[in-house]
Protein backbone atom coordinates (compact mmCIF):
# COMPACT_ATOMS: atom_id res chain seq x y z
CA MET A 1 87.11 88.99 79.23
CA ALA A 2 87.34 88.82 82.84
CA GLU A 3 83.46 89.15 83.11
CA GLU A 4 83.20 86.20 80.85
CA ALA A 5 85.41 84.10 82.81
CA LYS A 6 83.61 84.93 86.09
CA ALA A 7 80.32 83.87 84.44
CA LYS A 8 81.73 80.75 83.36
CA GLY A 9 82.85 79.97 87.01
CA ASN A 10 79.46 81.13 88.46
CA ALA A 11 77.89 78.62 86.04
CA ALA A 12 80.37 75.91 86.81
CA PHE A 13 79.82 76.49 90.70
CA SER A 14 76.11 76.25 90.37
CA SER A 15 76.40 72.98 88.57
CA GLY A 16 78.49 71.69 91.38
CA ASP A 17 81.71 71.49 89.23
CA PHE A 18 83.97 73.14 91.52
CA ASP A 19 87.28 72.40 89.87
CA ALA A 20 86.10 73.80 86.65
CA ALA A 21 85.05 76.86 88.84
CA ILE A 22 88.23 77.43 90.13
CA ARG A 23 89.84 77.32 86.63
CA HIS A 24 87.59 79.89 85.45
CA PHE A 25 87.98 82.23 88.63
CA SER A 26 91.58 81.86 88.30
CA GLU A 27 91.50 82.97 84.63
CA ALA A 28 89.43 85.88 85.64
CA ILE A 29 91.79 86.87 88.47
CA SER A 30 94.65 86.72 85.93
CA LEU A 31 92.79 89.29 83.87
CA SER A 32 91.56 91.32 86.86
CA PRO A 33 93.85 90.88 89.64
CA GLY A 34 92.21 93.76 91.80
CA ASN A 35 88.82 92.34 91.82
CA HIS A 36 87.78 91.10 95.19
CA VAL A 37 84.74 89.25 94.09
CA LEU A 38 86.75 86.91 92.03
CA TYR A 39 88.94 85.89 95.11
CA SER A 40 85.68 85.49 97.13
CA ASN A 41 84.06 83.20 94.49
CA ARG A 42 87.21 81.05 94.14
CA SER A 43 87.57 80.80 98.17
CA ALA A 44 84.01 79.44 98.20
CA ALA A 45 84.78 76.89 95.30
CA TYR A 46 87.83 75.77 97.44
CA ALA A 47 86.00 75.40 100.64
CA SER A 48 83.34 73.26 98.53
CA LEU A 49 86.41 70.78 97.85
CA HIS A 50 87.36 71.03 101.31
CA LYS A 51 90.57 72.70 100.16
CA TYR A 52 90.58 74.97 103.22
CA SER A 53 94.09 76.37 103.06
CA GLU A 54 93.54 77.53 99.66
CA ALA A 55 90.18 78.97 100.71
CA LEU A 56 91.65 80.90 103.43
CA THR A 57 94.40 82.49 101.27
CA ASP A 58 91.80 83.67 98.75
CA ALA A 59 89.45 85.05 101.78
CA LYS A 60 92.25 86.98 103.14
CA LYS A 61 92.92 88.46 99.68
CA THR A 62 89.39 89.43 99.38
CA VAL A 63 89.07 91.31 102.71
CA GLU A 64 92.71 92.83 102.04
CA LEU A 65 91.29 94.16 98.69
CA LYS A 66 87.71 95.32 100.05
CA PRO A 67 87.87 95.36 104.11
CA ASP A 68 84.45 97.00 104.32
CA TRP A 69 82.81 94.28 102.50
CA SER A 70 80.89 91.79 104.72
CA LYS A 71 80.88 88.82 102.68
CA GLY A 72 84.63 88.62 102.45
CA TYR A 73 84.39 87.94 106.44
CA SER A 74 81.78 85.17 105.92
CA ARG A 75 84.54 83.47 103.40
CA LEU A 76 87.22 84.14 105.87
CA GLY A 77 85.34 82.63 108.85
CA ALA A 78 84.23 79.49 106.70
CA ALA A 79 87.91 78.86 105.77
CA HIS A 80 89.19 79.13 109.39
CA LEU A 81 86.30 76.79 110.58
CA GLY A 82 87.08 74.45 108.16
CA LEU A 83 90.64 74.42 109.25
CA GLY A 84 89.39 73.81 112.98
CA GLN A 85 90.69 77.25 113.93
CA HIS A 86 87.51 78.24 115.78
CA ASP A 87 88.78 81.47 117.53
CA ASP A 88 89.81 82.78 114.27
CA ALA A 89 86.57 81.84 112.59
CA ILE A 90 84.65 83.76 115.48
CA ALA A 91 86.56 86.74 115.09
CA ALA A 92 86.02 86.84 111.33
CA TYR A 93 82.45 86.58 111.75
CA LYS A 94 82.34 88.98 114.40
CA LYS A 95 84.32 91.57 112.05
CA GLY A 96 81.75 90.89 109.23
CA LEU A 97 78.72 91.40 111.82
CA GLU A 98 80.30 95.01 112.62
CA ILE A 99 79.84 96.00 108.87
CA ASP A 100 76.52 94.14 108.55
CA PRO A 101 74.77 93.39 111.82
CA ASN A 102 71.87 91.79 110.23
CA ASN A 103 73.51 89.61 107.79
CA GLU A 104 72.10 86.13 108.21
CA PRO A 105 74.96 83.94 106.78
CA LEU A 106 77.46 85.60 109.08
CA LYS A 107 75.11 85.25 112.24
CA SER A 108 74.56 81.54 111.33
CA GLY A 109 78.58 81.17 110.88
CA LEU A 110 79.23 82.63 114.17
CA ALA A 111 76.86 80.35 115.76
CA ASP A 112 78.48 77.30 114.14
CA ALA A 113 82.00 78.57 115.12
CA ARG A 114 80.98 78.99 118.64
CA ALA A 115 79.50 75.74 118.79
CA ALA A 116 82.57 73.89 117.26
CA ALA A 117 84.69 75.92 119.60
CA SER A 118 82.66 74.68 122.67
CA ARG A 119 82.83 71.30 121.37
CA SER A 120 86.53 71.35 121.03
CA ARG A 121 86.96 72.76 124.53
CA SER A 122 84.90 70.00 126.12
CA VAL A 123 87.15 67.33 124.78
CA PRO A 124 90.66 66.87 126.25
CA PRO A 125 93.50 67.62 123.80
CA MET A 126 94.80 64.42 122.51
CA GLY A 127 95.73 62.76 119.21
CA ASN A 128 92.91 61.44 116.87
CA PRO A 129 92.04 58.01 118.46
CA PHE A 130 91.44 56.69 115.20
CA GLY A 131 94.63 57.51 113.38
CA ASP A 132 96.16 53.97 113.28
CA ALA A 133 93.04 52.70 111.51
CA PHE A 134 93.88 55.00 108.56
CA SER A 135 97.86 54.02 108.45
CA GLY A 136 99.48 52.13 105.86
CA PRO A 137 98.33 49.95 102.85
CA GLU A 138 96.44 47.70 105.28
CA MET A 139 93.51 50.34 105.12
CA TRP A 140 92.94 49.88 101.36
CA ALA A 141 93.13 46.07 101.67
CA ARG A 142 90.59 45.97 104.63
CA LEU A 143 88.30 48.34 102.61
CA THR A 144 88.64 46.15 99.59
CA ALA A 145 87.75 43.18 101.43
CA ASP A 146 84.46 44.41 102.54
CA PRO A 147 81.53 44.33 99.95
CA THR A 148 80.11 47.63 101.01
CA THR A 149 83.32 49.74 101.12
CA ARG A 150 84.55 48.05 97.95
CA ALA A 151 81.72 49.55 96.08
CA TYR A 152 82.52 53.00 97.59
CA LEU A 153 86.19 52.81 96.27
CA GLN A 154 84.72 53.04 92.70
CA GLN A 155 83.52 56.65 93.90
CA PRO A 156 86.22 59.37 93.28
CA ASP A 157 84.98 61.71 96.00
CA PHE A 158 85.33 58.78 98.47
CA VAL A 159 88.80 57.81 97.58
CA LYS A 160 89.62 61.45 97.80
CA MET A 161 88.44 61.82 101.06
CA MET A 162 89.95 58.59 102.54
CA GLN A 163 93.29 59.89 101.02
CA ASP A 164 92.95 63.21 102.87
CA ILE A 165 92.10 61.38 106.06
CA GLN A 166 95.10 59.19 105.65
CA LYS A 167 97.65 62.05 105.31
CA ASN A 168 96.10 63.77 108.36
CA PRO A 169 93.86 61.73 110.60
CA ASN A 170 92.46 64.65 112.27
CA ASN A 171 90.66 65.50 108.89
CA LEU A 172 88.14 62.85 109.97
CA ASN A 173 86.14 65.42 111.60
CA LEU A 174 85.50 67.02 108.36
CA TYR A 175 83.85 64.11 106.55
CA MET A 176 81.83 62.42 110.03
CA LYS A 177 78.72 63.38 108.35
CA ASP A 178 79.13 61.39 105.21
CA GLN A 179 77.50 57.97 106.02
CA ARG A 180 80.08 56.16 103.60
CA ILE A 181 83.03 57.44 105.67
CA MET A 182 81.19 56.26 109.04
CA GLN A 183 80.86 52.90 107.16
CA ALA A 184 84.56 52.97 106.52
CA LEU A 185 85.50 53.75 110.09
CA GLY A 186 83.33 50.71 111.12
CA VAL A 187 85.00 48.36 108.96
CA LEU A 188 88.57 49.57 109.84
CA LEU A 189 87.70 49.39 113.56
CA ASN A 190 85.81 46.08 113.15
CA LEU A 191 82.76 47.78 114.71
CA LYS A 192 79.01 47.78 113.60
CA ILE A 193 78.26 51.32 112.95
CA ARG A 194 74.63 52.05 112.19
CA THR A 195 74.05 55.34 109.94
CA PRO A 196 70.76 57.04 110.16
CA ASN A 197 68.68 57.20 107.16
CA GLU A 198 68.30 60.78 106.04
CA ASP A 199 64.81 62.46 105.59
CA THR A 200 64.66 63.34 101.86
CA ASP A 201 62.52 65.55 100.02
CA MET A 202 59.67 62.91 100.35
CA PRO A 203 59.23 61.09 103.33
CA GLU A 204 60.71 57.79 103.15
CA ALA A 205 59.91 54.30 104.80
CA SER A 206 62.62 52.39 106.68
CA PRO A 207 63.77 49.51 104.25
CA SER A 208 62.12 46.20 104.88
CA PRO A 209 64.40 42.98 105.49
CA PRO A 210 64.74 40.86 102.40
CA PRO A 211 62.32 38.01 102.06
CA ALA A 212 65.05 35.44 102.98
CA GLU A 213 65.86 37.27 105.93
CA ARG A 214 62.04 37.41 106.92
CA LYS A 215 61.90 33.61 106.46
CA ARG A 216 65.21 33.02 108.66
CA ALA A 217 63.62 35.13 111.38
CA ALA A 218 60.32 33.16 111.29
CA GLU A 219 62.07 29.82 111.33
CA ALA A 220 64.29 30.75 114.26
CA GLU A 221 64.42 29.27 117.50
CA PRO A 222 62.34 30.71 120.49
CA ALA A 223 64.03 33.62 122.03
CA LYS A 224 66.33 32.50 124.85
CA GLU A 225 66.10 34.11 128.36
CA GLU A 226 67.53 37.51 128.30
CA LYS A 227 71.20 37.55 129.80
CA ARG A 228 71.63 39.54 132.98
CA PRO A 229 74.41 42.23 132.47
CA GLU A 230 77.62 40.98 133.63
CA PRO A 231 79.29 42.38 136.52
CA GLY A 232 80.97 45.63 136.18
CA SER A 233 78.75 46.46 132.97
CA MET A 234 76.61 49.67 132.74
CA GLU A 235 72.97 48.91 133.40
CA LEU A 236 70.26 51.53 131.92
CA THR A 237 68.15 53.02 134.68
CA GLU A 238 64.20 52.99 134.16
CA GLU A 239 64.36 56.57 132.93
CA GLU A 240 66.96 55.67 130.14
CA LYS A 241 64.81 52.58 129.18
CA GLU A 242 61.63 54.66 128.90
CA ALA A 243 63.25 57.19 126.64
CA LYS A 244 64.74 54.67 124.64
CA GLU A 245 61.40 52.83 123.98
CA LYS A 246 59.91 56.09 123.26
CA LYS A 247 62.29 56.74 120.60
CA ALA A 248 62.05 53.39 119.19
CA GLN A 249 58.23 54.03 119.12
CA ALA A 250 58.71 57.32 117.35
CA GLN A 251 60.64 55.96 114.67
CA ARG A 252 57.96 53.11 114.11
CA GLU A 253 55.40 56.11 113.87
CA LYS A 254 57.51 57.77 111.36
CA GLU A 255 57.89 54.65 109.27
CA ALA A 256 54.04 54.43 109.31
CA GLY A 257 53.56 57.86 108.44
CA ASN A 258 55.94 57.32 105.43
CA ALA A 259 53.94 54.45 104.38
CA ALA A 260 50.69 56.42 104.49
CA TYR A 261 52.32 59.13 102.65
CA LYS A 262 53.44 56.94 99.85
CA LYS A 263 49.79 55.77 99.57
CA LYS A 264 48.58 59.28 99.47
CA ASP A 265 46.74 58.90 102.86
CA PHE A 266 47.97 62.34 103.99
CA ASP A 267 45.37 62.38 106.99
CA ALA A 268 46.79 59.20 108.30
CA ALA A 269 50.48 60.48 107.56
CA ILE A 270 50.05 63.53 109.50
CA GLN A 271 48.63 61.59 112.72
CA HIS A 272 51.68 59.22 112.54
CA TYR A 273 54.16 62.10 112.28
CA SER A 274 52.33 63.97 115.15
CA LYS A 275 52.43 61.01 117.37
CA ALA A 276 56.16 60.60 116.75
CA MET A 277 56.67 64.19 117.63
CA GLU A 278 54.97 63.68 120.92
CA LEU A 279 57.35 60.85 121.74
CA ASP A 280 60.44 62.37 120.60
CA ASP A 281 60.80 66.05 120.28
CA GLU A 282 64.80 65.86 119.51
CA ASP A 283 64.27 64.59 115.73
CA ILE A 284 63.03 67.36 113.53
CA SER A 285 62.53 64.99 110.58
CA TYR A 286 59.10 64.36 111.97
CA LEU A 287 58.29 68.00 111.62
CA THR A 288 59.78 68.28 108.21
CA ASN A 289 58.13 65.14 106.98
CA ARG A 290 54.72 66.69 108.38
CA ALA A 291 55.63 69.80 106.41
CA ALA A 292 56.19 67.96 103.08
CA VAL A 293 52.54 66.24 103.89
CA TYR A 294 50.95 69.77 104.30
CA LEU A 295 52.91 70.96 101.25
CA GLU A 296 51.37 68.44 99.17
CA MET A 297 47.93 69.01 100.64
CA GLY A 298 48.13 72.59 99.62
CA LYS A 299 48.04 73.50 103.41
CA LEU A 300 50.62 75.98 102.84
CA GLU A 301 50.47 78.02 106.16
CA GLU A 302 50.54 74.64 108.33
CA CYS A 303 53.59 73.58 106.41
CA MET A 304 55.52 76.97 106.95
CA LYS A 305 54.54 76.80 110.66
CA ASP A 306 56.36 73.19 110.95
CA CYS A 307 59.26 74.48 108.85
CA ASP A 308 59.79 77.38 111.14
CA LYS A 309 59.52 74.93 114.17
CA ALA A 310 61.96 72.61 112.69
CA VAL A 311 64.47 75.32 112.01
CA GLU A 312 64.15 76.77 115.60
CA ARG A 313 64.20 73.40 117.24
CA GLY A 314 67.16 72.33 114.90
CA ARG A 315 69.19 75.23 116.10
CA GLU A 316 68.53 74.59 119.69
CA LEU A 317 69.63 70.92 119.18
CA ARG A 318 72.59 71.45 116.83
CA SER A 319 70.94 69.30 114.42
CA ASP A 320 72.53 68.48 111.10
CA PHE A 321 72.88 71.41 108.94
CA LYS A 322 71.46 69.49 106.21
CA MET A 323 68.12 68.92 107.72
CA ILE A 324 67.96 72.78 108.79
CA ALA A 325 68.52 73.60 105.00
CA ARG A 326 65.72 71.01 104.18
CA ALA A 327 63.18 72.71 106.12
CA LEU A 328 64.16 76.37 104.86
CA THR A 329 64.14 74.78 101.29
CA ARG A 330 60.47 73.25 102.05
CA LYS A 331 59.21 76.86 103.41
CA GLY A 332 60.68 78.51 100.42
CA THR A 333 58.72 76.11 98.13
CA ALA A 334 55.35 76.85 100.00
CA LEU A 335 56.17 80.72 99.62
CA VAL A 336 56.51 80.22 96.01
CA LYS A 337 53.39 78.51 95.69
CA MET A 338 51.56 81.24 97.61
CA ALA A 339 53.18 83.98 95.21
CA LYS A 340 51.00 86.13 93.19
CA CYS A 341 53.05 89.06 92.26
CA PRO A 342 56.86 89.86 91.97
CA LYS A 343 57.06 91.22 95.60
CA ASP A 344 55.59 87.82 96.87
CA TYR A 345 58.66 85.93 95.61
CA GLU A 346 61.13 88.11 97.68
CA PRO A 347 60.65 86.13 100.95
CA ALA A 348 60.87 82.76 99.10
CA ILE A 349 64.14 83.88 97.43
CA GLU A 350 65.55 85.02 100.83
CA THR A 351 64.53 81.72 102.47
CA PHE A 352 66.30 79.70 99.62
CA GLN A 353 69.44 81.85 100.03
CA LYS A 354 69.37 80.94 103.72
CA ALA A 355 69.13 77.32 103.03
CA LEU A 356 72.07 77.48 101.01
CA THR A 357 74.12 79.03 103.66
CA GLU A 358 73.24 75.83 105.55
CA HIS A 359 73.87 73.41 102.88
CA ARG A 360 74.52 74.12 99.19
CA ASN A 361 72.16 71.74 97.78
CA PRO A 362 71.57 71.55 93.87
CA ASP A 363 67.94 71.22 94.19
CA THR A 364 67.73 74.13 96.58
CA LEU A 365 69.81 76.09 94.10
CA LYS A 366 67.47 75.29 91.15
CA LYS A 367 64.28 76.15 93.12
CA LEU A 368 66.38 79.73 93.85
CA ASN A 369 67.14 80.32 90.29
CA ASP A 370 63.45 79.44 89.25
CA ALA A 371 61.91 81.74 91.90
CA GLU A 372 64.28 84.67 90.65
CA LYS A 373 63.29 83.79 87.02
CA ALA A 374 59.64 83.78 87.68
CA LYS A 375 59.97 86.92 89.64
CA LYS A 376 61.70 88.69 86.61
CA GLU A 377 59.04 87.50 84.05
CA LEU A 378 56.22 88.64 86.40
CA GLU A 379 57.93 92.01 86.79
CA GLN A 380 58.37 92.21 83.05
CA GLN A 381 54.76 91.21 82.42
CA GLU A 382 53.52 93.80 84.74
CA TYR A 383 55.65 96.47 83.36
CA PHE A 384 55.56 95.66 79.54
CA ASP A 385 53.70 98.51 77.75
CA PRO A 386 54.55 99.14 74.22
CA ILE A 387 52.82 102.62 74.16
CA LEU A 388 54.75 103.93 77.02
CA ALA A 389 58.01 102.47 75.41
CA ASP A 390 57.43 104.48 72.35
CA GLU A 391 56.98 107.79 74.40
CA GLU A 392 60.12 107.12 76.45
CA ARG A 393 61.86 106.44 73.16
CA GLU A 394 60.76 109.75 71.61
CA LYS A 395 61.81 111.59 74.90
CA GLY A 396 65.45 109.88 74.45
CA ASN A 397 65.38 110.98 70.70
CA ASP A 398 64.74 114.64 71.86
CA PHE A 399 67.55 114.58 74.50
CA PHE A 400 69.85 113.08 71.83
CA LYS A 401 69.26 115.90 69.58
CA GLN A 402 69.78 118.22 72.46
CA GLN A 403 73.17 116.42 72.83
CA ASN A 404 72.10 115.59 76.49
CA TYR A 405 73.35 111.92 75.99
CA PRO A 406 72.98 110.89 79.74
CA GLU A 407 69.29 111.76 79.98
CA ALA A 408 68.96 110.12 76.42
CA VAL A 409 70.36 106.95 77.89
CA LYS A 410 67.99 107.23 80.97
CA HIS A 411 64.82 107.29 78.73
CA TYR A 412 66.11 104.55 76.25
CA THR A 413 66.63 102.20 79.17
CA GLU A 414 63.11 102.94 80.53
CA SER A 415 61.69 102.16 77.07
CA LEU A 416 63.67 98.89 77.03
CA ARG A 417 62.06 98.06 80.49
CA ARG A 418 58.62 98.62 79.15
CA ASN A 419 59.51 96.78 75.78
CA PRO A 420 62.78 94.76 75.88
CA LYS A 421 62.24 93.47 72.12
CA ASP A 422 62.50 96.88 70.06
CA PRO A 423 65.75 96.81 67.99
CA ARG A 424 65.24 100.71 67.47
CA THR A 425 65.59 101.59 71.07
CA TYR A 426 68.88 99.38 71.33
CA SER A 427 70.35 101.04 68.27
CA ASN A 428 69.44 104.35 69.62
CA ARG A 429 70.91 103.79 73.00
CA ALA A 430 74.15 102.37 71.25
CA ALA A 431 74.33 105.63 69.57
CA SER A 432 74.24 107.42 72.78
CA TYR A 433 76.75 105.15 74.64
CA THR A 434 79.23 105.98 71.59
CA LYS A 435 78.60 109.71 72.01
CA LEU A 436 79.50 109.05 75.90
CA GLY A 437 82.70 106.87 75.00
CA ALA A 438 81.07 103.90 76.68
CA MET A 439 82.21 101.60 73.89
CA PRO A 440 81.64 98.11 75.51
CA GLU A 441 77.90 99.30 76.49
CA GLY A 442 77.29 100.46 73.08
CA LEU A 443 78.77 97.29 71.30
CA LYS A 444 76.45 95.11 73.58
CA ASP A 445 73.54 97.24 72.38
CA ALA A 446 74.22 97.19 68.81
CA ASP A 447 74.82 93.12 69.12
CA LYS A 448 71.47 92.97 70.83
CA CYS A 449 69.99 95.15 68.00
CA ILE A 450 71.03 92.87 65.36
CA GLU A 451 69.96 89.63 67.42
CA LEU A 452 66.41 90.94 67.66
CA ASP A 453 66.39 91.84 63.94
CA PRO A 454 69.25 90.87 61.67
CA THR A 455 67.66 92.71 58.79
CA PHE A 456 67.67 96.08 60.57
CA VAL A 457 70.74 97.67 58.92
CA LYS A 458 71.18 100.55 61.35
CA GLY A 459 72.39 97.80 64.03
CA TYR A 460 75.30 97.05 61.56
CA THR A 461 76.01 100.60 61.03
CA ARG A 462 76.07 101.23 65.01
CA LYS A 463 78.15 98.36 65.56
CA GLY A 464 80.70 99.04 62.70
CA ALA A 465 80.99 102.71 63.96
CA ILE A 466 81.91 101.42 67.42
CA GLN A 467 84.69 98.94 66.20
CA PHE A 468 85.95 101.63 63.99
CA PHE A 469 86.23 103.99 66.87
CA MET A 470 87.92 101.22 68.85
CA LYS A 471 90.50 100.78 66.01
CA GLU A 472 89.27 97.31 65.21
CA TYR A 473 89.29 98.02 61.52
CA ASP A 474 89.07 94.30 60.22
CA LYS A 475 85.91 93.56 62.42
CA ALA A 476 84.54 96.79 61.52
CA LEU A 477 84.98 95.90 57.84
CA GLU A 478 83.27 92.54 58.44
CA THR A 479 80.49 94.05 60.05
CA TYR A 480 79.63 96.61 57.43
CA GLN A 481 80.15 93.76 54.93
CA GLU A 482 77.44 91.88 56.86
CA GLY A 483 75.19 94.63 56.67
CA LEU A 484 75.40 94.87 52.97
CA LYS A 485 73.92 91.31 52.54
CA HIS A 486 70.57 93.08 53.73
CA ASP A 487 70.89 96.32 51.90
CA SER A 488 73.61 96.41 49.26
CA ASN A 489 72.94 100.19 48.41
CA ASN A 490 73.12 101.49 52.04
CA GLN A 491 75.51 104.61 51.83
CA GLU A 492 76.38 104.54 55.55
CA LEU A 493 77.68 100.83 55.08
CA LEU A 494 79.46 101.66 51.93
CA ASP A 495 81.17 104.62 53.50
CA GLY A 496 81.95 102.52 56.67
CA ILE A 497 83.99 100.02 54.31
CA ARG A 498 85.68 102.69 52.51
CA ARG A 499 87.08 104.33 55.66
CA CYS A 500 88.10 100.73 56.86
CA VAL A 501 89.99 100.05 53.74
CA GLU A 502 91.67 103.29 53.82
CA GLN A 503 92.92 102.60 57.63
CA ILE A 504 93.82 98.85 56.71
CA ASN A 505 95.98 100.19 53.67
CA LYS A 506 97.61 102.72 55.65
CA ALA A 507 98.61 100.04 58.29
CA SER A 508 99.86 97.77 55.48
CA ARG A 509 102.01 100.57 53.93
CA GLY A 510 103.37 101.40 57.38
CA ASP A 511 101.84 104.86 56.97
CA ILE A 512 100.89 105.44 60.60
CA SER A 513 102.70 106.96 63.72
CA PRO A 514 105.13 104.68 65.81
CA GLU A 515 102.58 105.67 68.61
CA GLU A 516 99.72 104.56 66.81
CA LEU A 517 101.22 101.31 65.68
CA LYS A 518 102.35 100.46 68.95
CA GLU A 519 98.76 100.94 70.37
CA ARG A 520 97.29 98.79 67.56
CA GLN A 521 99.71 96.02 68.35
CA ALA A 522 99.26 96.18 71.89
CA LYS A 523 95.39 96.02 71.53
CA ALA A 524 95.68 93.26 69.01
CA MET A 525 97.62 90.99 71.16
CA GLN A 526 94.87 90.86 73.69
CA ASP A 527 92.48 89.77 71.06
CA PRO A 528 92.03 85.76 71.25
CA GLU A 529 91.50 85.62 67.37
CA ILE A 530 94.93 87.44 66.60
CA GLN A 531 96.45 84.99 69.48
CA ASN A 532 95.11 81.93 67.75
CA ILE A 533 96.53 83.11 64.52
CA LEU A 534 99.97 83.96 65.90
CA GLN A 535 100.05 80.45 67.69
CA ASP A 536 98.98 78.55 64.72
CA PRO A 537 102.27 76.67 63.39
CA ILE A 538 100.94 76.72 59.80
CA MET A 539 100.41 80.36 59.90
CA ARG A 540 103.89 80.97 61.50
CA GLN A 541 105.44 78.95 58.51
CA VAL A 542 103.39 81.15 56.05
CA LEU A 543 104.73 84.42 57.65
CA VAL A 544 108.32 82.94 57.33
CA ASP A 545 107.66 82.12 53.91
CA PHE A 546 106.52 85.65 53.13
CA GLN A 547 109.73 86.95 54.46
CA GLU A 548 112.13 84.31 53.13
CA ASN A 549 110.63 82.37 50.48
CA PRO A 550 108.80 84.22 47.71
CA LYS A 551 107.78 81.40 45.67
CA ALA A 552 105.97 79.49 48.40
CA ALA A 553 104.38 82.96 49.47
CA GLN A 554 103.08 83.00 46.11
CA GLU A 555 101.14 79.73 46.69
CA HIS A 556 99.82 80.96 50.14
CA THR A 557 98.15 83.84 48.39
CA LYS A 558 95.74 81.36 46.58
CA ASN A 559 94.24 80.26 49.71
CA PRO A 560 91.44 82.60 50.83
CA MET A 561 91.55 81.35 54.55
CA VAL A 562 95.31 82.04 54.76
CA MET A 563 94.89 85.40 53.07
CA ASN A 564 91.95 86.38 55.40
CA LYS A 565 94.26 85.77 58.64
CA ILE A 566 96.95 87.54 56.90
CA GLN A 567 94.72 90.41 56.57
CA LYS A 568 93.70 90.52 59.93
CA LEU A 569 97.26 90.67 61.02
CA VAL A 570 97.81 93.65 58.45
CA SER A 571 94.77 95.43 60.09
CA ALA A 572 96.15 95.10 63.73
CA GLY A 573 99.67 96.40 62.57
CA ILE A 574 101.24 93.01 63.30
CA VAL A 575 102.57 92.62 59.86
CA GLN A 576 103.23 95.02 56.87
CA ILE A 577 103.19 94.29 53.11
CA ARG A 578 105.67 96.24 51.21
């Protein structure tokens, strides 16, 4: 059950539903409190919601349970970094690198922590200068009055961030990269803050002014003589003016490149982006845009070179981590396009994983999952060989007859790798697992056998035998009865039903030892189906009537659904009929 809850948590996390992920991981932890991976996963989910205190608590528990697991220190470092505890973050990342010196997420985290520490030391300690802007109800009134931020107030994540900043203005640093927060800050401070347009997966052009604005500009009066700087004001040097003009020219080249890209004039787009790079080498979006063009043209080597340059230059300049992630994602996409065999997918998968450590983008995650799936499918295609699968199954049968069950499992597993659609092999491996006492594994194989071929009766006999051995007599009875629908005269199924009925009758008569009764009851109380029956108000009343109101109980026996549930309670040893 813990594994099932964990799987649900992973799925929710992958889809970006972090609150649901936390609920599922918490459920898994309650069932398996010693599993370090569960705390690690929940820490990541908390961090994704910027709940760094909770993330830190789980990260500490992770390293406490598994001190030699490098990933735990990655979680610990991320939580400390989110809380602004730079020195602690550095120490955590260093500790993780002692365990795994080549771990890229730890290296990247350490670099980020050191950079953050350096920035914090370069600024004199003082209170948040914007604290007053976020205090009191006036903040919400000013945001409502502005048409842009008024629309943001309809977005729950924006409201949550603003509430967080209002509680602690120092948390503003956590959200500075969100353009909506910067816009709100400008409204609250009565400043005009320009937010840069992000480079998306396809190069985008800067928005043109509306027709009305263009008309007003055309009808405007002639430009007045430029005002001279007032005394005491800062005047730009010639070098600064030249640098500023170059950056402006670079932006114009980028916009021209974006326009050419949209027209699919790729050669022109490359020329414009290249010119922009010559004018301004501090904006890696020119590189990532040119890489996108190369990717579209099928010039994959050139695409990857630009992506590598963007990552290298971005780290030097401490560029936005989202931009570095975008470059890595684009490189991974190029690697996937070049892949011809399963091994070719490995560098692509590794590149997508690196991108996700920079920024957990859903598109990147999908590309990673697709690459892993494609790699697995190719591996299966290359390995698929029904003839060799039959040979391995026969070897497994020989070892089973010799009672060498571990070796039998080994050959059955190899057979399934060669042909994963053969129900006979799943049935045989289920029998081997049963002999080894590995009941959960055997039950999975029996279920898979039935899934592949519902008419293959052997699957039902395997599954029923395992359930019987696990003392789940009511479930075993259902399995045997389901098998009889496909072969009504099968002796194994009929014998299985007889054995289940004997055990169920023993329980109903109380003809079992106190130890066995206690064991059955404890096992039953962990069964969700039994729990639901006992929590059902109607069934609780039925059980009371069986004890105190024989006439009402007589009526209940006429209801097949009620009697079926009572039979399950009897089989579990919860109820006895005298």
